[in-house]
Amino acid sequence: MYDVIIVGARCAGASLASFLGRRGHSVLLVDQFPYPNATTSTHILGESDVYGRLGILGKMESAGAPFLTRMRVDLEGTVFESDITVTKRALGLRRELLDPLLLQSAARHRNVEVRLNTRVTKILLENGRAVGIECRKKDGQLQRFAGKVVIGADGRYSAVAKGVRAPLETETERPLHGVAYAYLSGVHRLPVPAVEWYWKGSSVVLCNPIDGLMHCAAIMYSPEEQERMARLGRGGFMERLLEIRTLAPRLAESGLEGSVRGIPPAKSFIRKAYGCGWALAGDAGAFLHPVAGVGIDNAVCTAEVLADELHAFFTGAKEWEEAMRSYEEQRNNRIYPQYRHSLATLETAGDPLTETSAGALKMLATFPSLVKKIGLQAEAVISLLSGGQNHD
């Protein structure tokens, strides 16, 4: 019997296995893929310390992940730019490079067993408690594994969450913006690498430097555009980017690398984090819209919290309920503000910028004295615009 069975070996699952493995706990890590490949992501990581604790930060940096220290927001051609305040720096790294590093970090521990090409078909329950998994290998063979704890780190369509009937705590009433993304080569780079955000109509476009001297461009479009975006293709994707007047000149010599990927409009949700013998991590427990740009960090950082609490449980320092309640509280303190902010951001995307407002915005940015006056009253302006809520 394993101490912990983890279903899903991407950011949350592989990180959790690594954190538990170094504490000496026996772990079975399973996933249906043969190897971690590309997946929908903003490819932005902001909390580098946790990757240092996993022992992979140096490898991430040597892979060519650029340091992003600036935030650049373009509102229909009027540009705001500043140092990033929420983190010392961000990194831009493709998931097909990051995820294997996380998996290697887990697999280096002798007490962590990794089984890929293995699809979970059933969560085994005894008297309502999760006690193991049934899974099918690529050759069709069924196997069963017992574990003291079963963790679902298998994404928003989590088989573990479904198998244990994890309750929903909150869910959006309707699907939110869909996401189409692709890698671009040959983009003229900014002097100082920045997280680039473009408001364009009802869409949000991100275009961020990543490893390999490339950029990751993501178009987040309203549900009403789904049919059009489904037919977009490579040429149509570039056309959408070229519609952004302040970005188009930098794309003159650029081209797509690979295909256009993404997810259709989908609901955001937060599930109950734990139950009898089970817990959820990453998108399995909380799926926030990618506009938040925090999915990778959330998965890895909350996996570390979960590992700490599981360790406390296994060593007898805490009872199960106490340990998992602490995990859920820490997860919720992190996730819920981001959930609310992401919904507010997407709601703002649907508000059209009138010609009068656009003209006033341009005037504000044209006259340095007005910019200085805004700066002198910045705290009052933020309080006014946010209704007194903070944006930490």
Protein backbone atom coordinates (compact mmCIF):
# COMPACT_ATOMS: atom_id res chain seq x y z
CA MET A 1 0.00 0.00 0.00
CA TYR A 2 1.23 3.47 -0.91
CA ASP A 3 1.02 6.40 1.46
CA VAL A 4 -0.33 8.57 -1.36
CA ILE A 5 -1.67 7.85 -4.83
CA ILE A 6 -1.62 10.91 -7.07
CA VAL A 7 -3.69 10.92 -10.25
CA GLY A 8 -2.28 13.45 -12.69
CA ALA A 9 1.43 14.15 -13.26
CA ARG A 10 1.44 17.71 -14.53
CA CYS A 11 2.20 20.83 -12.45
CA ALA A 12 0.21 20.03 -9.31
CA GLY A 13 0.66 16.25 -9.28
CA ALA A 14 4.37 16.13 -10.12
CA SER A 15 5.15 18.91 -7.64
CA LEU A 16 3.19 17.18 -4.88
CA ALA A 17 4.95 13.89 -5.57
CA SER A 18 8.33 15.62 -5.36
CA PHE A 19 7.52 17.42 -2.09
CA LEU A 20 6.20 14.19 -0.54
CA GLY A 21 9.02 12.09 -1.94
CA ARG A 22 11.72 14.13 -0.29
CA ARG A 23 9.91 13.69 3.04
CA GLY A 24 10.18 9.93 2.65
CA HIS A 25 6.55 9.07 1.88
CA SER A 26 5.77 6.33 -0.62
CA VAL A 27 3.97 7.76 -3.65
CA LEU A 28 2.39 6.33 -6.78
CA LEU A 29 2.10 8.98 -9.51
CA VAL A 30 -0.03 8.01 -12.52
CA ASP A 31 -1.14 9.77 -15.67
CA GLN A 32 -2.71 8.73 -18.94
CA PHE A 33 -0.23 10.59 -21.16
CA PRO A 34 3.00 8.94 -22.34
CA TYR A 35 4.95 12.17 -21.81
CA PRO A 36 4.01 15.74 -20.83
CA ASN A 37 3.44 17.79 -23.97
CA ALA A 38 1.99 21.21 -24.82
CA THR A 39 -1.13 22.34 -23.00
CA THR A 40 -3.15 25.53 -22.80
CA SER A 41 -1.34 27.99 -20.55
CA THR A 42 -0.18 31.59 -20.33
CA HIS A 43 3.30 30.13 -19.68
CA ILE A 44 3.94 32.74 -16.98
CA LEU A 45 5.49 31.81 -13.64
CA GLY A 46 5.89 34.42 -10.93
CA GLU A 47 6.89 32.67 -7.70
CA SER A 48 10.39 31.47 -8.49
CA ASP A 49 11.28 30.50 -4.89
CA VAL A 50 9.04 27.43 -4.95
CA TYR A 51 10.78 26.13 -8.08
CA GLY A 52 14.08 26.58 -6.28
CA ARG A 53 12.78 24.38 -3.47
CA LEU A 54 11.89 21.78 -6.09
CA GLY A 55 15.45 21.94 -7.37
CA ILE A 56 14.57 22.97 -10.93
CA LEU A 57 14.93 26.77 -11.01
CA GLY A 58 18.44 26.64 -12.44
CA LYS A 59 17.30 24.29 -15.19
CA MET A 60 14.36 26.60 -15.98
CA GLU A 61 16.69 29.56 -16.33
CA SER A 62 19.22 27.61 -18.42
CA ALA A 63 16.38 26.56 -20.74
CA GLY A 64 16.23 30.19 -21.84
CA ALA A 65 13.20 31.37 -19.87
CA PRO A 66 13.40 35.18 -20.00
CA PHE A 67 13.00 37.25 -16.85
CA LEU A 68 9.88 39.44 -17.08
CA THR A 69 10.13 42.46 -14.79
CA ARG A 70 7.70 44.87 -16.47
CA MET A 71 3.93 44.95 -16.99
CA ARG A 72 2.69 46.60 -20.18
CA VAL A 73 -1.05 47.24 -20.60
CA ASP A 74 -2.35 48.53 -23.93
CA LEU A 75 -5.92 49.87 -23.94
CA GLU A 76 -6.91 50.35 -27.58
CA GLY A 77 -3.58 52.02 -28.36
CA THR A 78 -2.95 53.90 -25.12
CA VAL A 79 -0.12 52.22 -23.25
CA PHE A 80 0.59 51.98 -19.52
CA GLU A 81 3.83 50.35 -18.37
CA SER A 82 5.52 49.80 -15.02
CA ASP A 83 7.69 47.46 -13.02
CA ILE A 84 5.72 44.42 -11.88
CA THR A 85 4.76 44.90 -8.23
CA VAL A 86 3.27 41.51 -7.30
CA THR A 87 6.54 39.60 -7.73
CA LYS A 88 10.24 40.35 -8.15
CA ARG A 89 10.18 38.81 -11.60
CA ALA A 90 8.21 36.45 -13.75
CA LEU A 91 9.52 33.75 -16.08
CA GLY A 92 8.20 32.75 -19.50
CA LEU A 93 8.60 29.01 -20.09
CA ARG A 94 6.68 26.58 -22.28
CA ARG A 95 4.81 23.84 -20.45
CA GLU A 96 6.41 21.18 -22.65
CA LEU A 97 9.71 22.16 -20.99
CA LEU A 98 8.45 22.93 -17.48
CA ASP A 99 6.30 19.84 -16.95
CA PRO A 100 9.07 17.31 -17.74
CA LEU A 101 11.34 19.14 -15.28
CA LEU A 102 8.68 18.79 -12.59
CA LEU A 103 8.20 15.11 -13.46
CA GLN A 104 11.96 14.51 -13.26
CA SER A 105 12.01 16.24 -9.88
CA ALA A 106 9.45 13.72 -8.62
CA ALA A 107 10.99 10.65 -10.28
CA ARG A 108 14.43 11.23 -8.75
CA HIS A 109 13.07 10.13 -5.37
CA ARG A 110 13.36 6.34 -4.95
CA ASN A 111 10.10 6.19 -3.00
CA VAL A 112 8.12 7.80 -5.86
CA GLU A 113 6.87 5.37 -8.52
CA VAL A 114 5.79 6.94 -11.82
CA ARG A 115 3.40 5.12 -14.15
CA LEU A 116 2.53 6.91 -17.38
CA ASN A 117 0.26 5.61 -20.16
CA THR A 118 -2.06 4.59 -17.34
CA ARG A 119 -5.69 5.75 -17.34
CA VAL A 120 -7.70 5.70 -14.12
CA THR A 121 -11.05 3.96 -14.63
CA LYS A 122 -12.40 3.93 -11.08
CA ILE A 123 -11.76 5.36 -7.64
CA LEU A 124 -11.98 2.55 -5.10
CA LEU A 125 -14.16 3.33 -2.09
CA GLU A 126 -14.80 1.49 1.16
CA ASN A 127 -17.58 2.81 3.40
CA GLY A 128 -17.36 6.13 1.60
CA ARG A 129 -13.59 6.45 2.00
CA ALA A 130 -11.17 6.57 -0.93
CA VAL A 131 -8.78 3.64 -0.60
CA GLY A 132 -7.21 3.26 -4.03
CA ILE A 133 -7.61 3.33 -7.80
CA GLU A 134 -8.39 0.96 -10.65
CA CYS A 135 -6.56 1.81 -13.84
CA ARG A 136 -5.99 0.52 -17.35
CA LYS A 137 -2.56 0.34 -18.95
CA LYS A 138 -2.02 1.05 -22.64
CA ASP A 139 -2.07 -2.70 -23.37
CA GLY A 140 -5.57 -2.92 -21.86
CA GLN A 141 -4.55 -4.63 -18.63
CA LEU A 142 -6.53 -3.58 -15.55
CA GLN A 143 -4.68 -3.04 -12.28
CA ARG A 144 -5.67 -1.96 -8.79
CA PHE A 145 -3.52 -0.04 -6.33
CA ALA A 146 -4.25 0.70 -2.68
CA GLY A 147 -3.34 3.95 -0.98
CA LYS A 148 -3.88 5.60 2.39
CA VAL A 149 -4.79 8.82 0.54
CA VAL A 150 -5.89 9.45 -3.06
CA ILE A 151 -5.14 12.82 -4.62
CA GLY A 152 -6.86 14.19 -7.70
CA ALA A 153 -4.44 16.39 -9.65
CA ASP A 154 -5.97 15.42 -12.98
CA GLY A 155 -7.35 18.70 -14.25
CA ARG A 156 -10.77 20.31 -14.45
CA TYR A 157 -12.41 17.10 -15.74
CA SER A 158 -10.93 15.22 -12.77
CA ALA A 159 -11.76 11.51 -12.60
CA VAL A 160 -10.98 11.62 -8.88
CA ALA A 161 -13.37 14.52 -8.24
CA LYS A 162 -16.05 12.65 -10.19
CA GLY A 163 -15.35 9.35 -8.44
CA VAL A 164 -15.61 10.77 -4.93
CA ARG A 165 -18.41 13.18 -5.90
CA ALA A 166 -16.48 16.22 -4.73
CA PRO A 167 -18.97 19.04 -4.05
CA LEU A 168 -18.81 22.32 -5.95
CA GLU A 169 -18.31 25.33 -3.68
CA THR A 170 -18.85 27.90 -6.41
CA GLU A 171 -19.20 28.01 -10.19
CA THR A 172 -19.83 30.73 -12.75
CA GLU A 173 -23.34 30.88 -14.14
CA ARG A 174 -22.17 30.74 -17.74
CA PRO A 175 -19.05 29.87 -19.74
CA LEU A 176 -16.33 32.53 -19.78
CA HIS A 177 -13.98 33.65 -22.56
CA GLY A 178 -12.39 30.94 -24.67
CA VAL A 179 -8.63 30.90 -25.23
CA ALA A 180 -6.63 30.35 -28.42
CA TYR A 181 -2.85 30.45 -28.18
CA ALA A 182 0.23 29.82 -30.31
CA TYR A 183 3.99 30.29 -30.29
CA LEU A 184 5.51 33.00 -32.47
CA SER A 185 9.09 33.35 -33.68
CA GLY A 186 10.64 36.50 -35.10
CA VAL A 187 8.69 38.96 -32.95
CA HIS A 188 10.62 42.20 -32.43
CA ARG A 189 11.36 42.18 -28.72
CA LEU A 190 10.84 45.06 -26.31
CA PRO A 191 14.03 46.56 -24.80
CA VAL A 192 12.99 45.25 -21.37
CA PRO A 193 10.98 41.98 -21.44
CA ALA A 194 7.43 42.53 -20.21
CA VAL A 195 4.14 40.78 -19.66
CA GLU A 196 2.18 42.34 -22.52
CA TRP A 197 -1.57 42.78 -22.13
CA TYR A 198 -3.80 44.19 -24.88
CA TRP A 199 -7.45 45.19 -24.53
CA LYS A 200 -8.98 44.80 -27.99
CA GLY A 201 -12.76 45.15 -28.22
CA SER A 202 -14.28 42.44 -26.02
CA SER A 203 -11.08 40.38 -26.23
CA VAL A 204 -7.95 40.22 -24.12
CA VAL A 205 -4.67 39.42 -25.89
CA LEU A 206 -1.46 38.42 -24.14
CA CYS A 207 1.87 38.33 -25.96
CA ASN A 208 4.73 37.34 -23.70
CA PRO A 209 8.39 36.41 -24.32
CA ILE A 210 9.17 32.75 -23.61
CA ASP A 211 12.12 30.43 -24.05
CA GLY A 212 13.61 29.74 -27.47
CA LEU A 213 13.51 33.46 -28.38
CA MET A 214 9.79 33.04 -29.01
CA HIS A 215 6.61 34.68 -27.76
CA CYS A 216 3.41 33.05 -26.58
CA ALA A 217 0.36 34.88 -27.91
CA ALA A 218 -3.04 34.12 -26.39
CA ILE A 219 -6.35 35.51 -27.62
CA MET A 220 -9.11 35.36 -25.02
CA TYR A 221 -12.41 35.81 -26.81
CA SER A 222 -16.03 36.14 -25.73
CA PRO A 223 -18.34 33.08 -25.91
CA GLU A 224 -20.27 34.82 -28.71
CA GLU A 225 -17.17 34.49 -30.91
CA GLN A 226 -16.80 30.75 -30.42
CA GLU A 227 -18.06 29.72 -33.87
CA ARG A 228 -15.79 32.22 -35.60
CA MET A 229 -12.75 31.27 -33.52
CA ALA A 230 -13.31 27.56 -34.17
CA ARG A 231 -12.71 28.26 -37.87
CA LEU A 232 -9.82 30.65 -37.30
CA GLY A 233 -6.80 28.58 -38.33
CA ARG A 234 -3.20 29.77 -38.43
CA GLY A 235 -3.77 32.61 -40.89
CA GLY A 236 -6.80 33.90 -39.03
CA PHE A 237 -4.90 33.83 -35.73
CA MET A 238 -2.18 36.08 -37.15
CA GLU A 239 -4.80 38.37 -38.66
CA ARG A 240 -6.34 38.88 -35.23
CA LEU A 241 -2.95 39.83 -33.81
CA LEU A 242 -2.23 42.20 -36.70
CA GLU A 243 -5.43 44.08 -35.88
CA ILE A 244 -3.65 45.43 -32.79
CA ARG A 245 -2.11 48.63 -34.12
CA THR A 246 0.63 48.90 -31.52
CA LEU A 247 1.67 45.25 -31.83
CA ALA A 248 1.45 44.79 -35.62
CA PRO A 249 4.79 46.50 -36.51
CA ARG A 250 6.65 44.08 -34.25
CA LEU A 251 5.09 41.12 -36.09
CA ALA A 252 6.35 42.09 -39.55
CA GLU A 253 8.94 39.28 -39.62
CA SER A 254 7.17 36.83 -37.31
CA GLY A 255 5.55 33.48 -37.96
CA LEU A 256 3.72 30.76 -36.07
CA GLU A 257 5.66 27.82 -34.68
CA GLY A 258 3.38 24.79 -34.56
CA SER A 259 -0.38 24.79 -34.37
CA VAL A 260 -2.97 27.02 -32.73
CA ARG A 261 -4.25 25.39 -29.52
CA GLY A 262 -6.72 26.39 -26.87
CA ILE A 263 -9.89 25.73 -24.93
CA PRO A 264 -13.45 26.77 -25.80
CA PRO A 265 -15.50 28.96 -23.47
CA ALA A 266 -15.83 27.16 -20.12
CA LYS A 267 -17.07 27.80 -16.62
CA SER A 268 -14.73 28.58 -13.74
CA PHE A 269 -15.30 26.74 -10.48
CA ILE A 270 -13.93 25.89 -7.05
CA ARG A 271 -14.54 22.45 -5.56
CA LYS A 272 -14.39 21.23 -1.99
CA ALA A 273 -10.67 20.62 -1.40
CA TYR A 274 -10.88 17.33 0.52
CA GLY A 275 -13.04 14.55 1.86
CA CYS A 276 -12.71 11.12 3.42
CA GLY A 277 -9.37 9.77 2.23
CA TRP A 278 -9.07 12.16 -0.71
CA ALA A 279 -7.97 15.67 -1.64
CA LEU A 280 -7.84 17.73 -4.83
CA ALA A 281 -4.96 19.81 -6.17
CA GLY A 282 -4.49 22.20 -9.09
CA ASP A 283 -7.29 22.59 -11.63
CA ALA A 284 -9.03 19.52 -10.25
CA GLY A 285 -9.87 21.54 -7.17
CA ALA A 286 -10.12 25.05 -8.60
CA PHE A 287 -10.26 26.02 -12.26
CA LEU A 288 -9.65 29.74 -12.66
CA HIS A 289 -9.83 31.39 -16.06
CA PRO A 290 -6.37 31.74 -17.67
CA VAL A 291 -6.84 35.53 -17.69
CA ALA A 292 -5.72 35.38 -14.05
CA GLY A 293 -2.28 34.23 -15.24
CA VAL A 294 -1.66 32.32 -12.01
CA GLY A 295 -2.57 28.72 -12.82
CA ILE A 296 0.94 27.28 -12.80
CA ASP A 297 2.01 29.01 -9.59
CA ASN A 298 -1.26 28.13 -7.88
CA ALA A 299 -0.85 24.45 -8.75
CA VAL A 300 2.73 24.23 -7.52
CA CYS A 301 2.40 26.44 -4.43
CA THR A 302 -0.79 24.80 -3.16
CA ALA A 303 0.80 21.39 -3.81
CA GLU A 304 3.54 22.38 -1.40
CA VAL A 305 0.93 23.35 1.20
CA LEU A 306 -0.86 20.03 0.70
CA ALA A 307 2.42 18.14 1.08
CA ASP A 308 3.10 19.92 4.37
CA GLU A 309 -0.33 19.03 5.73
CA LEU A 310 -0.17 15.42 4.54
CA HIS A 311 3.22 15.10 6.21
CA ALA A 312 1.72 16.43 9.44
CA PHE A 313 -1.02 13.81 9.15
CA PHE A 314 1.30 10.90 8.42
CA THR A 315 3.65 11.80 11.28
CA GLY A 316 0.79 12.09 13.75
CA ALA A 317 1.23 15.82 14.30
CA LYS A 318 -2.34 16.41 13.10
CA GLU A 319 -5.51 14.41 12.63
CA TRP A 320 -6.83 14.09 9.07
CA GLU A 321 -9.61 16.63 9.50
CA GLU A 322 -7.33 19.22 11.09
CA ALA A 323 -4.65 18.83 8.43
CA MET A 324 -7.03 18.99 5.50
CA ARG A 325 -9.02 21.87 6.95
CA SER A 326 -5.74 23.80 7.19
CA TYR A 327 -4.92 22.94 3.56
CA GLU A 328 -8.34 24.03 2.36
CA GLU A 329 -8.17 27.28 4.31
CA GLN A 330 -4.75 28.17 2.89
CA ARG A 331 -5.85 27.21 -0.62
CA ASN A 332 -9.03 29.27 -0.37
CA ASN A 333 -7.21 32.30 1.01
CA ARG A 334 -5.10 32.23 -2.11
CA ILE A 335 -7.66 31.17 -4.70
CA TYR A 336 -10.86 33.06 -3.91
CA PRO A 337 -9.48 36.60 -4.37
CA GLN A 338 -7.98 35.53 -7.70
CA TYR A 339 -11.27 33.93 -8.71
CA ARG A 340 -13.16 37.15 -8.01
CA HIS A 341 -10.58 39.34 -9.73
CA SER A 342 -10.55 37.17 -12.87
CA LEU A 343 -14.34 37.38 -13.15
CA ALA A 344 -14.24 41.15 -12.68
CA THR A 345 -11.57 41.44 -15.37
CA LEU A 346 -13.57 39.45 -17.90
CA GLU A 347 -16.70 41.43 -17.05
CA THR A 348 -14.75 44.62 -17.79
CA ALA A 349 -13.78 43.16 -21.18
CA GLY A 350 -17.41 43.38 -22.23
CA ASP A 351 -17.62 47.11 -21.48
CA PRO A 352 -16.99 49.07 -24.71
CA LEU A 353 -14.60 52.00 -24.61
CA THR A 354 -16.57 54.94 -26.00
CA GLU A 355 -15.02 57.40 -28.43
CA THR A 356 -15.27 60.12 -25.79
CA SER A 357 -13.54 57.97 -23.16
CA ALA A 358 -10.84 56.93 -25.62
CA GLY A 359 -10.17 60.57 -26.45
CA ALA A 360 -9.93 61.53 -22.79
CA LEU A 361 -7.56 58.62 -22.15
CA LYS A 362 -5.30 59.76 -24.97
CA MET A 363 -5.29 63.27 -23.58
CA LEU A 364 -4.35 61.95 -20.16
CA ALA A 365 -1.39 60.05 -21.63
CA THR A 366 -0.37 62.98 -23.87
CA PHE A 367 0.12 65.60 -21.15
CA PRO A 368 2.88 64.78 -18.65
CA SER A 369 1.38 67.10 -16.05
CA LEU A 370 -1.82 65.05 -16.01
CA VAL A 371 0.17 61.84 -15.61
CA LYS A 372 2.04 63.41 -12.70
CA LYS A 373 -1.21 64.51 -11.06
CA ILE A 374 -2.61 61.00 -11.44
CA GLY A 375 0.56 59.68 -9.82
CA LEU A 376 0.22 62.08 -6.90
CA GLN A 377 -3.34 60.83 -6.33
CA ALA A 378 -2.70 57.19 -7.27
CA GLU A 379 -3.91 55.68 -4.00
CA ALA A 380 -7.17 57.64 -4.14
CA VAL A 381 -7.66 56.68 -7.81
CA ILE A 382 -7.16 52.97 -7.06
CA SER A 383 -9.57 53.16 -4.12
CA LEU A 384 -12.16 54.92 -6.28
CA LEU A 385 -11.90 52.46 -9.18
CA SER A 386 -11.83 49.33 -7.04
CA GLY A 387 -14.59 50.33 -4.63
CA GLY A 388 -12.19 50.18 -1.72
CA GLN A 389 -10.98 46.62 -2.53
CA ASN A 390 -7.25 45.95 -2.61
CA HIS A 391 -5.43 44.32 -5.54
CA ASP A 392 -2.75 42.42 -3.65
